Amino acid sequence: MPKSAFRPATPDDLKITVKPSNIGIEIIMDGYIMGENISRLGKDIKWLQYQLKLQGFHSVREIFLGIYFKEDDSLLLYKTN
């Protein structure tokens, strides 16, 4: 345990306000829909298909990884190679 004079500074020490971490939930992995995760979010397959279309994809098979961020209601999609 470091001595108090040598411990790392925290945001509180510096009087800085930090936004909470934005942790995503995987809803597509290797081209497969993670149905249970979508259900837990209160979303459905129609919603997912609409989101894919908005981002220029035709099929879930084109997606390597799809991550949904609840805090800002966004979907990040990574295309397969």
C-alpha atoms as a PDB file:
ATOM      1  CA  MET A   1       0.000   0.000   0.000  1.00  0.00           C
ATOM      2  CA  PRO A   2       1.571   3.313  -1.024  1.00  0.00           C
ATOM      3  CA  LYS A   3       2.140   6.000   1.542  1.00  0.00           C
ATOM      4  CA  SER A   4      -0.535   8.690   1.415  1.00  0.00           C
ATOM      5  CA  ALA A   5       1.920  11.216  -0.050  1.00  0.00           C
ATOM      6  CA  PHE A   6       2.579   8.876  -2.989  1.00  0.00           C
ATOM      7  CA  ARG A   7      -0.888   7.575  -3.790  1.00  0.00           C
ATOM      8  CA  PRO A   8      -2.363   8.461  -7.193  1.00  0.00           C
ATOM      9  CA  ALA A   9      -4.584  11.523  -7.348  1.00  0.00           C
ATOM     10  CA  THR A  10      -8.290  10.900  -7.783  1.00  0.00           C
ATOM     11  CA  PRO A  11     -10.789  13.111  -9.619  1.00  0.00           C
ATOM     12  CA  ASP A  12     -12.183  14.044  -6.210  1.00  0.00           C
ATOM     13  CA  ASP A  13      -8.715  15.198  -5.079  1.00  0.00           C
ATOM     14  CA  LEU A  14      -8.561  17.463  -8.126  1.00  0.00           C
ATOM     15  CA  LYS A  15     -12.179  18.690  -7.746  1.00  0.00           C
ATOM     16  CA  ILE A  16     -13.073  17.262 -11.179  1.00  0.00           C
ATOM     17  CA  THR A  17     -16.514  15.960 -12.088  1.00  0.00           C
ATOM     18  CA  VAL A  18     -16.387  12.801 -14.170  1.00  0.00           C
ATOM     19  CA  LYS A  19     -19.177  11.337 -16.282  1.00  0.00           C
ATOM     20  CA  PRO A  20     -20.206   7.782 -15.401  1.00  0.00           C
ATOM     21  CA  SER A  21     -18.761   5.013 -17.556  1.00  0.00           C
ATOM     22  CA  ASN A  22     -20.799   4.093 -20.588  1.00  0.00           C
ATOM     23  CA  ILE A  23     -20.759   0.295 -20.676  1.00  0.00           C
ATOM     24  CA  GLY A  24     -22.245  -1.327 -23.759  1.00  0.00           C
ATOM     25  CA  ILE A  25     -24.230  -4.538 -24.151  1.00  0.00           C
ATOM     26  CA  GLU A  26     -23.418  -6.908 -27.004  1.00  0.00           C
ATOM     27  CA  ILE A  27     -26.455  -7.562 -29.177  1.00  0.00           C
ATOM     28  CA  ILE A  28     -24.664  -8.988 -32.241  1.00  0.00           C
ATOM     29  CA  MET A  29     -21.640 -11.281 -32.133  1.00  0.00           C
ATOM     30  CA  ASP A  30     -20.063 -12.859 -35.226  1.00  0.00           C
ATOM     31  CA  GLY A  31     -23.181 -12.225 -37.298  1.00  0.00           C
ATOM     32  CA  TYR A  32     -25.572 -13.737 -34.749  1.00  0.00           C
ATOM     33  CA  ILE A  33     -28.234 -11.862 -32.816  1.00  0.00           C
ATOM     34  CA  MET A  34     -28.031 -12.137 -29.046  1.00  0.00           C
ATOM     35  CA  GLY A  35     -31.791 -12.366 -28.559  1.00  0.00           C
ATOM     36  CA  GLU A  36     -31.719 -12.521 -24.771  1.00  0.00           C
ATOM     37  CA  ASN A  37     -29.697  -9.300 -24.545  1.00  0.00           C
ATOM     38  CA  ILE A  38     -32.075  -7.512 -26.925  1.00  0.00           C
ATOM     39  CA  SER A  39     -35.062  -8.642 -24.845  1.00  0.00           C
ATOM     40  CA  ARG A  40     -33.434  -7.409 -21.630  1.00  0.00           C
ATOM     41  CA  LEU A  41     -33.112  -3.984 -23.232  1.00  0.00           C
ATOM     42  CA  GLY A  42     -36.806  -3.888 -24.111  1.00  0.00           C
ATOM     43  CA  LYS A  43     -35.998  -3.915 -27.826  1.00  0.00           C
ATOM     44  CA  ASP A  44     -36.998  -6.378 -30.560  1.00  0.00           C
ATOM     45  CA  ILE A  45     -35.773  -7.733 -33.904  1.00  0.00           C
ATOM     46  CA  LYS A  46     -37.751  -5.122 -35.887  1.00  0.00           C
ATOM     47  CA  TRP A  47     -35.934  -2.374 -33.975  1.00  0.00           C
ATOM     48  CA  LEU A  48     -32.596  -4.030 -34.746  1.00  0.00           C
ATOM     49  CA  GLN A  49     -33.395  -4.419 -38.449  1.00  0.00           C
ATOM     50  CA  TYR A  50     -34.347  -0.729 -38.619  1.00  0.00           C
ATOM     51  CA  GLN A  51     -31.064   0.251 -36.915  1.00  0.00           C
ATOM     52  CA  LEU A  52     -29.060  -1.867 -39.364  1.00  0.00           C
ATOM     53  CA  LYS A  53     -30.830  -0.230 -42.301  1.00  0.00           C
ATOM     54  CA  LEU A  54     -30.154   3.252 -40.883  1.00  0.00           C
ATOM     55  CA  GLN A  55     -26.435   2.462 -40.773  1.00  0.00           C
ATOM     56  CA  GLY A  56     -26.345   0.995 -44.288  1.00  0.00           C
ATOM     57  CA  PHE A  57     -26.353  -2.729 -43.564  1.00  0.00           C
ATOM     58  CA  HIS A  58     -28.620  -5.269 -45.257  1.00  0.00           C
ATOM     59  CA  SER A  59     -28.103  -8.281 -42.997  1.00  0.00           C
ATOM     60  CA  VAL A  60     -26.959  -9.083 -39.486  1.00  0.00           C
ATOM     61  CA  ARG A  61     -24.425 -11.465 -41.096  1.00  0.00           C
ATOM     62  CA  GLU A  62     -22.483  -8.360 -42.225  1.00  0.00           C
ATOM     63  CA  ILE A  63     -21.837  -7.412 -38.590  1.00  0.00           C
ATOM     64  CA  PHE A  64     -18.907  -8.746 -36.585  1.00  0.00           C
ATOM     65  CA  LEU A  65     -19.926  -6.979 -33.365  1.00  0.00           C
ATOM     66  CA  GLY A  66     -22.892  -4.820 -32.399  1.00  0.00           C
ATOM     67  CA  ILE A  67     -22.878  -2.993 -29.075  1.00  0.00           C
ATOM     68  CA  TYR A  68     -25.825  -1.044 -27.662  1.00  0.00           C
ATOM     69  CA  PHE A  69     -25.241   1.843 -25.244  1.00  0.00           C
ATOM     70  CA  LYS A  70     -28.307   2.441 -23.101  1.00  0.00           C
ATOM     71  CA  GLU A  71     -27.133   5.777 -21.670  1.00  0.00           C
ATOM     72  CA  ASP A  72     -27.292   7.549 -25.034  1.00  0.00           C
ATOM     73  CA  ASP A  73     -29.519   5.050 -26.910  1.00  0.00           C
ATOM     74  CA  SER A  74     -26.875   4.363 -29.552  1.00  0.00           C
ATOM     75  CA  LEU A  75     -25.778   1.282 -31.476  1.00  0.00           C
ATOM     76  CA  LEU A  76     -22.156   0.805 -32.517  1.00  0.00           C
ATOM     77  CA  LEU A  77     -21.646  -1.701 -35.343  1.00  0.00           C
ATOM     78  CA  TYR A  78     -18.381  -3.265 -36.526  1.00  0.00           C
ATOM     79  CA  LYS A  79     -18.429  -4.780 -40.013  1.00  0.00           C
ATOM     80  CA  THR A  80     -17.024  -8.236 -40.721  1.00  0.00           C
ATOM     81  CA  ASN A  81     -13.924  -8.476 -42.916  1.00  0.00           C
END
